[in-house]
Amino acid sequence: MSEFIEANLDTLYILAEKRAESYMRTAETQIDSIFGDGYAKAHPELMAAFMKAASDEFTRTATAKVLQSIGYALDAMAVALRGRG
């Protein structure tokens, strides 16, 4: 997987839409497996909370990955600058 986001905005929109659908299907499956068939459909607020938690977790991990890459780049720059001095 590339370290850089190379997709255009249209592609990112399509990917976001697919991710949201995936979260919704997973939410229904997981909630129904815990509370019984049909529970997710009867409790849309629980579906929404599940989707929000999944989305938030993805955002946190993606942000951490970006920050980690920035940290590595800064370390490499510091090493290079020390070598010049």
Protein backbone atom coordinates (compact mmCIF):
# COMPACT_ATOMS: atom_id res chain seq x y z
CA MET A 1 0.00 0.00 0.00
CA SER A 2 1.33 3.39 -0.95
CA GLU A 3 2.31 5.86 1.73
CA PHE A 4 0.74 8.66 -0.30
CA ILE A 5 -2.87 9.34 -1.23
CA GLU A 6 -2.86 9.38 -5.02
CA ALA A 7 -6.61 9.16 -5.66
CA ASN A 8 -8.57 12.12 -7.00
CA LEU A 9 -11.57 13.55 -5.14
CA ASP A 10 -14.10 11.54 -7.16
CA THR A 11 -12.33 8.30 -6.26
CA LEU A 12 -12.09 9.30 -2.61
CA TYR A 13 -15.84 10.01 -2.58
CA ILE A 14 -16.61 6.58 -4.04
CA LEU A 15 -14.30 4.91 -1.52
CA ALA A 16 -15.96 6.80 1.34
CA GLU A 17 -19.38 5.70 0.13
CA LYS A 18 -18.24 2.06 -0.03
CA ARG A 19 -16.68 2.31 3.43
CA ALA A 20 -19.93 3.69 4.88
CA GLU A 21 -21.88 0.83 3.30
CA SER A 22 -19.39 -1.65 4.72
CA TYR A 23 -19.74 -0.12 8.18
CA MET A 24 -23.53 -0.34 7.95
CA ARG A 25 -23.55 -3.99 6.86
CA THR A 26 -21.01 -4.89 9.54
CA ALA A 27 -23.00 -2.98 12.16
CA GLU A 28 -26.18 -4.88 11.33
CA THR A 29 -24.40 -8.25 11.33
CA GLN A 30 -22.57 -7.63 14.60
CA ILE A 31 -25.51 -6.10 16.46
CA ASP A 32 -27.87 -8.88 15.37
CA SER A 33 -25.31 -11.52 16.34
CA ILE A 34 -25.21 -10.09 19.87
CA PHE A 35 -28.85 -9.09 20.46
CA GLY A 36 -30.77 -11.29 18.01
CA ASP A 37 -32.11 -11.04 14.47
CA GLY A 38 -33.79 -7.75 13.63
CA TYR A 39 -32.42 -5.87 16.63
CA ALA A 40 -30.25 -3.58 14.49
CA LYS A 41 -33.17 -2.55 12.26
CA ALA A 42 -35.30 -1.87 15.33
CA HIS A 43 -32.57 0.29 16.89
CA PRO A 44 -31.13 2.66 14.25
CA GLU A 45 -29.46 4.71 16.99
CA LEU A 46 -27.30 1.69 17.81
CA MET A 47 -26.44 1.27 14.12
CA ALA A 48 -25.43 4.94 13.98
CA ALA A 49 -23.28 4.63 17.09
CA PHE A 50 -21.55 1.55 15.68
CA MET A 51 -20.86 3.31 12.37
CA LYS A 52 -19.54 6.40 14.19
CA ALA A 53 -17.22 4.29 16.33
CA ALA A 54 -15.90 2.42 13.28
CA SER A 55 -15.39 5.67 11.37
CA ASP A 56 -13.66 7.32 14.32
CA GLU A 57 -11.32 4.36 14.74
CA PHE A 58 -10.38 4.48 11.05
CA THR A 59 -9.74 8.23 11.31
CA ARG A 60 -7.53 7.76 14.39
CA THR A 61 -5.45 5.00 12.85
CA ALA A 62 -5.11 6.78 9.50
CA THR A 63 -4.03 9.97 11.28
CA ALA A 64 -1.53 8.02 13.38
CA LYS A 65 -0.10 6.46 10.21
CA VAL A 66 0.34 9.88 8.61
CA LEU A 67 1.94 11.31 11.75
CA GLN A 68 4.25 8.30 11.94
CA SER A 69 5.38 8.92 8.35
CA ILE A 70 6.01 12.58 9.15
CA GLY A 71 8.05 11.54 12.18
CA TYR A 72 10.19 9.19 10.11
CA ALA A 73 10.76 11.91 7.51
CA LEU A 74 11.80 14.41 10.19
CA ASP A 75 14.19 11.85 11.70
CA ALA A 76 15.75 11.26 8.28
CA MET A 77 16.14 15.01 7.77
CA ALA A 78 17.76 15.43 11.18
CA VAL A 79 20.25 12.64 10.43
CA ALA A 80 21.08 14.20 7.06
CA LEU A 81 21.54 17.64 8.59
CA ARG A 82 23.79 16.26 11.33
CA GLY A 83 25.92 14.60 8.67
CA ARG A 84 26.45 17.91 6.91
CA GLY A 85 27.69 19.71 10.01
